[in-house]
């Protein structure tokens, strides 16, 4: 597992430290490196497919989804409760992220309420999952470790500020989590 300092130095290679990129049509060296790492991943997605397939096999009673916006630091896989299990308050989906920038992963939750036939009050939750979702969260973590060989990103580093622009975030809001994984953790399909 890289140190906090190593991770910060690493993400600086892939995200801009000023907003100059907003005023030019030419991508910065950081954006070019970021785009290149995504192109490499898309060209070799076999491990991701194996990961996703193993989750579907191990968690047959859940819905497995995925998202990989190229502005993020890596792809995310979601484990959703089946619709018949939804309750009006405090539903919890598991999200597993792998970073394309460093050999680390993180598992967190997206909480939401089901009101008037819609998912509402959607919010990311970086705490431990509730008892009903602890097992799927463990399966996601174990499967990432097995398929990718990555280390868990420590929760104590989630809020580490980095002076970088990631997605729609800018300093001082941007954290190490935002750059390694996603700048919009509650935005899942």
N, C-alpha and C. Protein backbone atom coordinates (compact mmCIF):
# COMPACT_ATOMS: atom_id res chain seq x y z
N UNK A 1 0.85 -1.18 0.00
CA UNK A 1 0.00 0.00 0.00
C UNK A 1 0.90 1.25 0.00
N UNK A 2 0.75 2.11 -1.00
CA UNK A 2 1.54 3.35 -1.01
C UNK A 2 1.19 4.23 0.19
N UNK A 3 2.13 5.06 0.61
CA UNK A 3 1.89 5.99 1.72
C UNK A 3 0.98 7.13 1.25
N UNK A 4 0.47 7.89 2.21
CA UNK A 4 -0.35 9.06 1.88
C UNK A 4 0.42 10.01 0.98
N UNK A 5 1.67 10.26 1.29
CA UNK A 5 2.49 11.18 0.51
C UNK A 5 2.70 10.66 -0.91
N UNK A 6 2.93 9.35 -1.03
CA UNK A 6 3.10 8.76 -2.36
C UNK A 6 1.82 8.86 -3.18
N UNK A 7 0.68 8.64 -2.54
CA UNK A 7 -0.60 8.74 -3.25
C UNK A 7 -0.86 10.17 -3.71
N UNK A 8 -0.58 11.14 -2.87
CA UNK A 8 -0.77 12.54 -3.25
C UNK A 8 0.14 12.89 -4.43
N UNK A 9 1.39 12.48 -4.36
CA UNK A 9 2.32 12.74 -5.48
C UNK A 9 1.83 12.07 -6.76
N UNK A 10 1.28 10.89 -6.62
CA UNK A 10 0.79 10.15 -7.77
C UNK A 10 -0.40 10.85 -8.43
N UNK A 11 -1.41 11.24 -7.65
CA UNK A 11 -2.60 11.84 -8.26
C UNK A 11 -2.29 13.20 -8.88
N UNK A 12 -1.24 13.85 -8.43
CA UNK A 12 -0.83 15.13 -9.05
C UNK A 12 -0.45 14.94 -10.52
N UNK A 13 -0.07 13.72 -10.89
CA UNK A 13 0.30 13.44 -12.28
C UNK A 13 -0.92 13.36 -13.20
N UNK A 14 -2.13 13.20 -12.61
CA UNK A 14 -3.33 12.94 -13.41
C UNK A 14 -4.42 14.01 -13.29
N UNK A 15 -4.23 14.98 -12.41
CA UNK A 15 -5.23 16.04 -12.22
C UNK A 15 -4.54 17.39 -12.20
N UNK A 16 -5.24 18.40 -12.70
CA UNK A 16 -4.69 19.75 -12.77
C UNK A 16 -4.71 20.44 -11.41
N UNK A 17 -3.68 21.24 -11.16
CA UNK A 17 -3.60 21.98 -9.90
C UNK A 17 -4.04 23.43 -10.06
N UNK A 18 -4.37 23.82 -11.28
CA UNK A 18 -4.93 25.17 -11.51
C UNK A 18 -6.13 25.02 -12.43
N UNK A 19 -6.88 26.08 -12.55
CA UNK A 19 -8.05 26.03 -13.43
C UNK A 19 -7.74 26.49 -14.85
N UNK A 20 -6.46 26.57 -15.22
CA UNK A 20 -6.06 27.02 -16.56
C UNK A 20 -6.67 26.13 -17.65
N UNK A 21 -6.90 24.85 -17.36
CA UNK A 21 -7.47 23.94 -18.35
C UNK A 21 -8.87 24.38 -18.81
N UNK A 22 -9.55 25.18 -18.00
CA UNK A 22 -10.89 25.65 -18.36
C UNK A 22 -10.86 26.69 -19.48
N UNK A 23 -9.70 27.27 -19.70
CA UNK A 23 -9.60 28.38 -20.64
C UNK A 23 -8.81 28.03 -21.89
N UNK A 24 -8.68 26.74 -22.17
CA UNK A 24 -7.96 26.30 -23.36
C UNK A 24 -8.63 25.06 -23.92
N UNK A 25 -8.47 24.87 -25.21
CA UNK A 25 -9.02 23.66 -25.83
C UNK A 25 -8.01 22.53 -25.86
N UNK A 26 -6.76 22.85 -25.61
CA UNK A 26 -5.69 21.84 -25.60
C UNK A 26 -5.64 21.16 -24.23
N UNK A 27 -5.71 19.83 -24.18
CA UNK A 27 -5.64 19.16 -22.88
C UNK A 27 -4.26 19.32 -22.24
N UNK A 28 -4.27 19.43 -20.92
CA UNK A 28 -3.02 19.55 -20.17
C UNK A 28 -2.29 18.21 -20.17
N UNK A 29 -1.01 18.19 -19.82
CA UNK A 29 -0.29 16.91 -19.71
C UNK A 29 -0.97 15.96 -18.72
N UNK A 30 -1.53 16.51 -17.63
CA UNK A 30 -2.22 15.68 -16.64
C UNK A 30 -3.45 15.01 -17.26
N UNK A 31 -4.23 15.78 -17.99
CA UNK A 31 -5.44 15.23 -18.63
C UNK A 31 -5.05 14.18 -19.67
N UNK A 32 -3.99 14.43 -20.41
CA UNK A 32 -3.54 13.45 -21.40
C UNK A 32 -3.14 12.14 -20.72
N UNK A 33 -2.42 12.22 -19.60
CA UNK A 33 -2.03 11.00 -18.86
C UNK A 33 -3.27 10.27 -18.33
N UNK A 34 -4.22 11.06 -17.82
CA UNK A 34 -5.47 10.49 -17.29
C UNK A 34 -6.22 9.77 -18.40
N UNK A 35 -6.35 10.41 -19.55
CA UNK A 35 -7.05 9.79 -20.68
C UNK A 35 -6.35 8.52 -21.15
N UNK A 36 -5.02 8.54 -21.16
CA UNK A 36 -4.25 7.39 -21.63
C UNK A 36 -4.44 6.18 -20.71
N UNK A 37 -4.48 6.40 -19.42
CA UNK A 37 -4.66 5.27 -18.49
C UNK A 37 -6.05 4.65 -18.67
N UNK A 38 -7.05 5.46 -18.96
CA UNK A 38 -8.39 4.93 -19.24
C UNK A 38 -8.40 4.16 -20.55
N UNK A 39 -7.74 4.66 -21.57
CA UNK A 39 -7.68 3.95 -22.86
C UNK A 39 -7.03 2.58 -22.67
N UNK A 40 -5.97 2.52 -21.89
CA UNK A 40 -5.30 1.25 -21.62
C UNK A 40 -6.25 0.28 -20.90
N UNK A 41 -6.98 0.79 -19.92
CA UNK A 41 -7.90 -0.06 -19.17
C UNK A 41 -9.01 -0.60 -20.07
N UNK A 42 -9.59 0.27 -20.90
CA UNK A 42 -10.68 -0.14 -21.79
C UNK A 42 -10.19 -1.20 -22.78
N UNK A 43 -8.95 -1.10 -23.19
CA UNK A 43 -8.40 -2.08 -24.13
C UNK A 43 -8.14 -3.43 -23.46
N UNK A 44 -8.11 -3.48 -22.13
CA UNK A 44 -7.80 -4.73 -21.40
C UNK A 44 -8.75 -4.90 -20.22
N UNK A 45 -10.05 -5.01 -20.50
CA UNK A 45 -11.05 -5.09 -19.45
C UNK A 45 -11.33 -6.50 -18.94
N UNK A 46 -10.59 -7.49 -19.40
CA UNK A 46 -10.87 -8.87 -19.02
C UNK A 46 -10.90 -9.07 -17.50
N UNK A 47 -9.93 -8.51 -16.73
CA UNK A 47 -10.04 -8.68 -15.27
C UNK A 47 -11.32 -8.08 -14.69
N UNK A 48 -11.74 -6.95 -15.24
CA UNK A 48 -12.98 -6.32 -14.77
C UNK A 48 -14.17 -7.24 -15.06
N UNK A 49 -14.22 -7.81 -16.25
CA UNK A 49 -15.31 -8.72 -16.58
C UNK A 49 -15.32 -9.93 -15.65
N UNK A 50 -14.13 -10.45 -15.34
CA UNK A 50 -14.04 -11.59 -14.42
C UNK A 50 -14.53 -11.20 -13.03
N UNK A 51 -14.16 -10.01 -12.58
CA UNK A 51 -14.62 -9.49 -11.29
C UNK A 51 -16.14 -9.40 -11.25
N UNK A 52 -16.69 -8.75 -12.26
CA UNK A 52 -18.15 -8.57 -12.33
C UNK A 52 -18.85 -9.92 -12.39
N UNK A 53 -18.35 -10.85 -13.20
CA UNK A 53 -18.98 -12.17 -13.31
C UNK A 53 -18.92 -12.94 -12.00
N UNK A 54 -17.80 -12.84 -11.30
CA UNK A 54 -17.70 -13.54 -10.01
C UNK A 54 -18.68 -12.96 -8.99
N UNK A 55 -18.85 -11.64 -9.00
CA UNK A 55 -19.84 -11.04 -8.10
C UNK A 55 -21.25 -11.55 -8.42
N UNK A 56 -21.58 -11.61 -9.69
CA UNK A 56 -22.92 -12.09 -10.08
C UNK A 56 -23.12 -13.53 -9.64
N UNK A 57 -22.08 -14.33 -9.73
CA UNK A 57 -22.17 -15.73 -9.33
C UNK A 57 -22.28 -15.88 -7.80
N UNK A 58 -21.50 -15.08 -7.07
CA UNK A 58 -21.46 -15.19 -5.62
C UNK A 58 -22.65 -14.52 -4.95
N UNK A 59 -23.20 -13.48 -5.59
CA UNK A 59 -24.32 -12.72 -5.02
C UNK A 59 -25.55 -12.81 -5.93
N UNK A 60 -26.09 -14.02 -6.15
CA UNK A 60 -27.18 -14.17 -7.13
C UNK A 60 -28.48 -13.47 -6.74
N UNK A 61 -28.67 -13.14 -5.48
CA UNK A 61 -29.92 -12.50 -5.05
C UNK A 61 -29.85 -10.98 -5.07
N UNK A 62 -28.76 -10.43 -5.58
CA UNK A 62 -28.59 -8.98 -5.69
C UNK A 62 -28.46 -8.60 -7.15
N UNK A 63 -28.67 -7.33 -7.42
CA UNK A 63 -28.49 -6.81 -8.77
C UNK A 63 -27.09 -6.20 -8.82
N UNK A 64 -26.30 -6.56 -9.82
CA UNK A 64 -24.93 -6.07 -9.97
C UNK A 64 -24.91 -5.06 -11.12
N UNK A 65 -24.37 -3.89 -10.84
CA UNK A 65 -24.25 -2.86 -11.86
C UNK A 65 -22.83 -2.34 -11.91
N UNK A 66 -22.57 -1.45 -12.85
CA UNK A 66 -21.23 -0.89 -12.98
C UNK A 66 -21.30 0.47 -13.64
N UNK A 67 -20.28 1.25 -13.40
CA UNK A 67 -20.14 2.54 -14.06
C UNK A 67 -18.66 2.85 -14.16
N UNK A 68 -18.27 3.45 -15.27
CA UNK A 68 -16.88 3.85 -15.41
C UNK A 68 -16.77 5.13 -16.21
N UNK A 69 -17.18 6.26 -15.59
CA UNK A 69 -16.97 7.55 -16.25
C UNK A 69 -15.48 7.85 -16.35
N UNK A 70 -15.03 8.21 -17.53
CA UNK A 70 -13.59 8.38 -17.75
C UNK A 70 -13.01 9.60 -17.03
N UNK A 71 -13.84 10.44 -16.43
CA UNK A 71 -13.28 11.55 -15.64
C UNK A 71 -12.90 11.10 -14.24
N UNK A 72 -13.34 9.90 -13.84
CA UNK A 72 -13.04 9.37 -12.52
C UNK A 72 -11.65 8.74 -12.49
N UNK A 73 -11.23 8.35 -11.28
CA UNK A 73 -9.94 7.70 -11.10
C UNK A 73 -10.00 6.20 -11.35
N UNK A 74 -11.20 5.67 -11.57
CA UNK A 74 -11.34 4.24 -11.82
C UNK A 74 -12.79 3.84 -11.91
N UNK A 75 -13.04 2.59 -12.29
CA UNK A 75 -14.41 2.09 -12.42
C UNK A 75 -15.02 1.75 -11.06
N UNK A 76 -16.34 1.69 -11.05
CA UNK A 76 -17.07 1.30 -9.83
C UNK A 76 -18.07 0.21 -10.17
N UNK A 77 -18.27 -0.69 -9.24
CA UNK A 77 -19.26 -1.75 -9.36
C UNK A 77 -20.23 -1.60 -8.19
N UNK A 78 -21.53 -1.74 -8.47
CA UNK A 78 -22.54 -1.58 -7.44
C UNK A 78 -23.27 -2.90 -7.18
N UNK A 79 -23.59 -3.12 -5.92
CA UNK A 79 -24.42 -4.25 -5.52
C UNK A 79 -25.69 -3.65 -4.93
N UNK A 80 -26.79 -3.85 -5.65
CA UNK A 80 -28.08 -3.29 -5.25
C UNK A 80 -28.96 -4.34 -4.59
N UNK A 81 -29.73 -3.89 -3.63
CA UNK A 81 -30.78 -4.74 -3.08
C UNK A 81 -31.81 -5.00 -4.17
N UNK A 82 -32.40 -6.19 -4.22
CA UNK A 82 -33.49 -6.39 -5.17
C UNK A 82 -34.68 -5.49 -4.79
N UNK A 83 -35.42 -5.05 -5.78
CA UNK A 83 -36.48 -4.06 -5.56
C UNK A 83 -37.49 -4.51 -4.50
N UNK A 84 -37.78 -5.79 -4.43
CA UNK A 84 -38.75 -6.26 -3.44
C UNK A 84 -38.25 -6.08 -2.00
N UNK A 85 -36.96 -5.79 -1.83
CA UNK A 85 -36.39 -5.57 -0.50
C UNK A 85 -36.33 -4.09 -0.10
N UNK A 86 -36.68 -3.19 -1.01
CA UNK A 86 -36.60 -1.76 -0.71
C UNK A 86 -37.59 -1.37 0.37
N UNK A 87 -37.16 -0.46 1.23
CA UNK A 87 -38.04 0.06 2.28
C UNK A 87 -38.14 1.57 2.11
N UNK A 88 -39.11 2.21 2.76
CA UNK A 88 -39.25 3.66 2.60
C UNK A 88 -38.03 4.45 3.08
N UNK A 89 -37.31 3.94 4.07
CA UNK A 89 -36.16 4.69 4.63
C UNK A 89 -34.91 3.82 4.70
N UNK A 90 -33.79 4.47 4.54
CA UNK A 90 -32.46 3.90 4.80
C UNK A 90 -32.12 2.62 4.04
N UNK A 91 -32.25 2.65 2.74
CA UNK A 91 -31.73 1.56 1.90
C UNK A 91 -30.24 1.82 1.70
N UNK A 92 -29.51 0.76 1.40
CA UNK A 92 -28.04 0.88 1.31
C UNK A 92 -27.55 0.01 0.18
N UNK A 93 -26.89 0.61 -0.81
CA UNK A 93 -26.25 -0.13 -1.89
C UNK A 93 -24.74 -0.14 -1.63
N UNK A 94 -24.09 -1.20 -2.01
CA UNK A 94 -22.64 -1.34 -1.85
C UNK A 94 -21.96 -0.89 -3.13
N UNK A 95 -20.90 -0.10 -2.99
CA UNK A 95 -20.13 0.35 -4.15
C UNK A 95 -18.68 -0.05 -3.93
N UNK A 96 -18.13 -0.76 -4.90
CA UNK A 96 -16.72 -1.13 -4.87
C UNK A 96 -15.99 -0.39 -5.97
N UNK A 97 -14.93 0.33 -5.60
CA UNK A 97 -14.16 1.10 -6.59
C UNK A 97 -12.75 0.57 -6.65
N UNK A 98 -12.21 0.51 -7.84
CA UNK A 98 -10.79 0.23 -8.01
C UNK A 98 -10.18 1.45 -8.68
N UNK A 99 -8.99 1.78 -8.26
CA UNK A 99 -8.31 2.93 -8.85
C UNK A 99 -7.45 2.46 -10.03
N UNK A 100 -7.46 3.23 -11.08
CA UNK A 100 -6.56 2.97 -12.20
C UNK A 100 -5.22 3.65 -11.99
N UNK A 101 -5.15 4.50 -10.97
CA UNK A 101 -3.95 5.30 -10.72
C UNK A 101 -3.00 4.67 -9.71
N UNK A 102 -3.54 3.86 -8.82
CA UNK A 102 -2.75 3.21 -7.77
C UNK A 102 -3.39 1.85 -7.47
N UNK A 103 -2.65 0.89 -6.95
CA UNK A 103 -3.20 -0.44 -6.67
C UNK A 103 -4.02 -0.47 -5.38
N UNK A 104 -5.06 0.35 -5.33
CA UNK A 104 -5.91 0.45 -4.14
C UNK A 104 -7.39 0.36 -4.55
N UNK A 105 -8.20 -0.05 -3.57
CA UNK A 105 -9.65 -0.10 -3.78
C UNK A 105 -10.33 0.44 -2.54
N UNK A 106 -11.62 0.73 -2.69
CA UNK A 106 -12.41 1.21 -1.56
C UNK A 106 -13.83 0.71 -1.74
N UNK A 107 -14.46 0.31 -0.64
CA UNK A 107 -15.85 -0.13 -0.64
C UNK A 107 -16.61 0.81 0.27
N UNK A 108 -17.70 1.35 -0.24
CA UNK A 108 -18.53 2.26 0.55
C UNK A 108 -19.99 2.01 0.22
N UNK A 109 -20.86 2.79 0.80
CA UNK A 109 -22.29 2.63 0.55
C UNK A 109 -22.92 3.89 -0.01
N UNK A 110 -24.04 3.69 -0.67
CA UNK A 110 -24.89 4.80 -1.07
C UNK A 110 -26.24 4.54 -0.41
N UNK A 111 -26.61 5.45 0.48
CA UNK A 111 -27.88 5.35 1.20
C UNK A 111 -28.94 6.12 0.46
N UNK A 112 -30.18 5.66 0.57
CA UNK A 112 -31.28 6.37 -0.08
C UNK A 112 -32.61 5.91 0.52
N UNK A 113 -33.61 6.74 0.28
CA UNK A 113 -34.98 6.45 0.72
C UNK A 113 -35.82 6.18 -0.52
N UNK A 114 -36.84 5.36 -0.36
CA UNK A 114 -37.74 5.04 -1.47
C UNK A 114 -39.09 5.68 -1.16
N UNK A 115 -39.32 6.83 -1.76
CA UNK A 115 -40.51 7.63 -1.47
C UNK A 115 -41.23 7.94 -2.77
N UNK A 116 -42.54 7.74 -2.78
CA UNK A 116 -43.36 8.05 -3.95
C UNK A 116 -42.84 7.37 -5.21
N UNK A 117 -42.37 6.12 -5.07
CA UNK A 117 -41.92 5.35 -6.21
C UNK A 117 -40.58 5.78 -6.79
N UNK A 118 -39.81 6.57 -6.03
CA UNK A 118 -38.51 7.05 -6.52
C UNK A 118 -37.45 6.95 -5.44
N UNK A 119 -36.21 6.79 -5.87
CA UNK A 119 -35.08 6.85 -4.94
C UNK A 119 -34.82 8.33 -4.65
N UNK A 120 -34.80 8.68 -3.37
CA UNK A 120 -34.61 10.07 -2.98
C UNK A 120 -33.62 10.15 -1.82
N UNK A 121 -33.17 11.38 -1.53
CA UNK A 121 -32.22 11.63 -0.43
C UNK A 121 -30.97 10.75 -0.57
N UNK A 122 -30.43 10.71 -1.75
CA UNK A 122 -29.28 9.85 -2.05
C UNK A 122 -28.01 10.49 -1.48
N UNK A 123 -27.23 9.68 -0.74
CA UNK A 123 -26.02 10.20 -0.10
C UNK A 123 -24.98 9.09 0.06
N UNK A 124 -23.74 9.45 -0.17
CA UNK A 124 -22.64 8.49 0.02
C UNK A 124 -22.40 8.29 1.51
N UNK A 125 -22.01 7.08 1.89
CA UNK A 125 -21.72 6.75 3.28
C UNK A 125 -20.42 5.95 3.33
N UNK A 126 -19.39 6.52 3.97
CA UNK A 126 -18.09 5.87 4.05
C UNK A 126 -17.90 5.08 5.34
N UNK A 127 -18.93 4.96 6.12
CA UNK A 127 -18.86 4.18 7.36
C UNK A 127 -19.09 2.70 7.04
N UNK A 128 -19.00 1.86 8.05
CA UNK A 128 -19.22 0.43 7.87
C UNK A 128 -20.68 0.20 7.44
N UNK A 129 -20.93 -0.80 6.61
CA UNK A 129 -22.30 -1.05 6.15
C UNK A 129 -23.20 -1.55 7.27
N UNK A 130 -24.50 -1.36 7.10
CA UNK A 130 -25.43 -1.94 8.08
C UNK A 130 -25.36 -3.47 8.00
N UNK A 131 -25.83 -4.16 9.03
CA UNK A 131 -25.71 -5.62 9.07
C UNK A 131 -26.22 -6.33 7.80
N UNK A 132 -27.31 -5.86 7.23
CA UNK A 132 -27.88 -6.52 6.05
C UNK A 132 -27.02 -6.40 4.79
N UNK A 133 -26.08 -5.46 4.77
CA UNK A 133 -25.23 -5.28 3.59
C UNK A 133 -23.76 -5.56 3.89
N UNK A 134 -23.46 -6.02 5.11
CA UNK A 134 -22.06 -6.30 5.47
C UNK A 134 -21.49 -7.44 4.64
N UNK A 135 -22.27 -8.50 4.43
CA UNK A 135 -21.76 -9.62 3.66
C UNK A 135 -21.49 -9.23 2.21
N UNK A 136 -22.42 -8.57 1.49
CA UNK A 136 -22.08 -8.15 0.12
C UNK A 136 -20.85 -7.24 0.08
N UNK A 137 -20.68 -6.37 1.05
CA UNK A 137 -19.50 -5.49 1.08
C UNK A 137 -18.23 -6.32 1.24
N UNK A 138 -18.28 -7.35 2.09
CA UNK A 138 -17.12 -8.23 2.27
C UNK A 138 -16.81 -9.00 0.99
N UNK A 139 -17.86 -9.45 0.30
CA UNK A 139 -17.66 -10.19 -0.95
C UNK A 139 -17.00 -9.29 -1.99
N UNK A 140 -17.46 -8.05 -2.10
CA UNK A 140 -16.87 -7.11 -3.06
C UNK A 140 -15.39 -6.91 -2.74
N UNK A 141 -15.07 -6.66 -1.47
CA UNK A 141 -13.67 -6.42 -1.08
C UNK A 141 -12.81 -7.65 -1.37
N UNK A 142 -13.26 -8.83 -0.96
CA UNK A 142 -12.48 -10.06 -1.18
C UNK A 142 -12.28 -10.34 -2.67
N UNK A 143 -13.31 -10.07 -3.46
CA UNK A 143 -13.22 -10.34 -4.90
C UNK A 143 -12.26 -9.38 -5.58
N UNK A 144 -12.27 -8.11 -5.17
CA UNK A 144 -11.30 -7.15 -5.71
C UNK A 144 -9.88 -7.61 -5.38
N UNK A 145 -9.66 -8.00 -4.13
CA UNK A 145 -8.33 -8.46 -3.73
C UNK A 145 -7.90 -9.68 -4.53
N UNK A 146 -8.83 -10.61 -4.74
CA UNK A 146 -8.53 -11.84 -5.47
C UNK A 146 -8.23 -11.56 -6.94
N UNK A 147 -9.07 -10.79 -7.60
CA UNK A 147 -8.93 -10.57 -9.05
C UNK A 147 -7.82 -9.57 -9.37
N UNK A 148 -7.75 -8.47 -8.62
CA UNK A 148 -6.82 -7.39 -8.96
C UNK A 148 -5.55 -7.38 -8.09
N UNK A 149 -5.62 -7.98 -6.90
CA UNK A 149 -4.47 -7.95 -6.00
C UNK A 149 -4.26 -6.60 -5.34
N UNK A 150 -5.30 -5.77 -5.29
CA UNK A 150 -5.19 -4.42 -4.73
C UNK A 150 -5.36 -4.44 -3.21
N UNK A 151 -4.85 -3.37 -2.56
CA UNK A 151 -4.99 -3.18 -1.12
C UNK A 151 -6.15 -2.24 -0.83
N UNK A 152 -6.76 -2.43 0.34
CA UNK A 152 -7.85 -1.54 0.74
C UNK A 152 -7.29 -0.14 1.04
N UNK A 153 -7.97 0.88 0.53
CA UNK A 153 -7.63 2.27 0.81
C UNK A 153 -8.13 2.59 2.21
N UNK A 154 -7.27 3.05 3.11
CA UNK A 154 -7.69 3.29 4.50
C UNK A 154 -8.75 4.39 4.62
N UNK A 155 -9.74 4.12 5.43
CA UNK A 155 -10.81 5.10 5.66
C UNK A 155 -10.26 6.42 6.21
N UNK A 156 -9.18 6.35 6.98
CA UNK A 156 -8.64 7.58 7.57
C UNK A 156 -8.03 8.51 6.51
N UNK A 157 -7.82 8.02 5.29
CA UNK A 157 -7.28 8.88 4.23
C UNK A 157 -8.35 9.44 3.30
N UNK A 158 -9.59 9.01 3.47
CA UNK A 158 -10.68 9.42 2.58
C UNK A 158 -10.79 10.94 2.47
N UNK A 159 -10.71 11.64 3.58
CA UNK A 159 -10.92 13.10 3.58
C UNK A 159 -9.62 13.90 3.43
N UNK A 160 -8.53 13.26 3.08
CA UNK A 160 -7.25 13.96 2.91
C UNK A 160 -7.37 14.97 1.76
N UNK A 161 -7.22 16.26 2.04
CA UNK A 161 -7.37 17.25 0.96
C UNK A 161 -6.19 17.20 -0.01
N UNK A 162 -6.49 17.43 -1.28
CA UNK A 162 -5.46 17.56 -2.31
C UNK A 162 -5.78 18.82 -3.11
N UNK A 163 -4.78 19.62 -3.46
CA UNK A 163 -5.02 20.89 -4.16
C UNK A 163 -5.19 20.69 -5.66
N UNK A 164 -6.19 19.89 -6.04
CA UNK A 164 -6.39 19.52 -7.44
C UNK A 164 -7.84 19.69 -7.86
N UNK A 165 -8.04 19.74 -9.15
CA UNK A 165 -9.38 19.81 -9.74
C UNK A 165 -9.76 18.41 -10.21
N UNK A 166 -10.91 17.92 -9.72
CA UNK A 166 -11.38 16.58 -10.09
C UNK A 166 -12.87 16.66 -10.37
N UNK A 167 -13.26 16.34 -11.60
CA UNK A 167 -14.66 16.46 -11.98
C UNK A 167 -15.12 17.89 -11.79
N UNK A 168 -16.18 18.08 -11.03
CA UNK A 168 -16.69 19.42 -10.74
C UNK A 168 -16.15 19.97 -9.43
N UNK A 169 -15.24 19.26 -8.81
CA UNK A 169 -14.67 19.70 -7.53
C UNK A 169 -13.38 20.49 -7.76
N UNK A 170 -13.18 21.45 -6.88
CA UNK A 170 -11.94 22.22 -6.91
C UNK A 170 -11.45 22.41 -5.49
N UNK A 171 -10.17 22.75 -5.35
CA UNK A 171 -9.64 22.96 -4.00
C UNK A 171 -10.41 24.07 -3.29
N UNK A 172 -10.66 23.94 -2.02
CA UNK A 172 -10.18 22.94 -1.05
C UNK A 172 -11.11 21.75 -0.87
N UNK A 173 -12.14 21.60 -1.72
CA UNK A 173 -13.10 20.50 -1.56
C UNK A 173 -12.55 19.15 -1.99
N UNK A 174 -11.61 19.12 -2.90
CA UNK A 174 -11.12 17.86 -3.47
C UNK A 174 -10.30 17.07 -2.46
N UNK A 175 -10.59 15.77 -2.39
CA UNK A 175 -9.87 14.89 -1.46
C UNK A 175 -9.12 13.80 -2.24
N UNK A 176 -8.29 13.09 -1.54
CA UNK A 176 -7.57 11.97 -2.13
C UNK A 176 -8.56 10.93 -2.66
N UNK A 177 -9.64 10.68 -1.93
CA UNK A 177 -10.68 9.76 -2.41
C UNK A 177 -11.21 10.22 -3.76
N UNK A 178 -11.54 11.51 -3.90
CA UNK A 178 -12.11 12.03 -5.14
C UNK A 178 -11.19 11.79 -6.34
N UNK A 179 -9.89 11.90 -6.14
CA UNK A 179 -8.96 11.74 -7.26
C UNK A 179 -8.66 10.27 -7.56
N UNK A 180 -8.56 9.45 -6.55
CA UNK A 180 -8.27 8.03 -6.78
C UNK A 180 -9.48 7.27 -7.31
N UNK A 181 -10.69 7.69 -6.92
CA UNK A 181 -11.87 6.90 -7.24
C UNK A 181 -12.93 7.70 -8.01
N UNK A 182 -13.61 8.62 -7.37
CA UNK A 182 -14.67 9.37 -8.04
C UNK A 182 -14.94 10.68 -7.34
N UNK A 183 -15.23 11.70 -8.12
CA UNK A 183 -15.57 13.00 -7.55
C UNK A 183 -17.06 13.10 -7.24
N UNK A 184 -17.83 12.08 -7.60
CA UNK A 184 -19.28 12.07 -7.36
C UNK A 184 -19.69 10.72 -6.77
N UNK A 185 -19.31 10.44 -5.51
CA UNK A 185 -19.53 9.10 -4.96
C UNK A 185 -21.01 8.71 -4.80
N UNK A 186 -21.92 9.66 -4.67
CA UNK A 186 -23.33 9.29 -4.53
C UNK A 186 -24.02 9.15 -5.88
N UNK A 187 -23.33 9.46 -6.97
CA UNK A 187 -23.92 9.38 -8.30
C UNK A 187 -23.65 7.99 -8.89
N UNK A 188 -24.64 7.11 -8.72
CA UNK A 188 -24.55 5.76 -9.30
C UNK A 188 -25.79 5.52 -10.13
N UNK A 189 -25.66 4.70 -11.18
CA UNK A 189 -26.83 4.42 -12.02
C UNK A 189 -27.87 3.59 -11.30
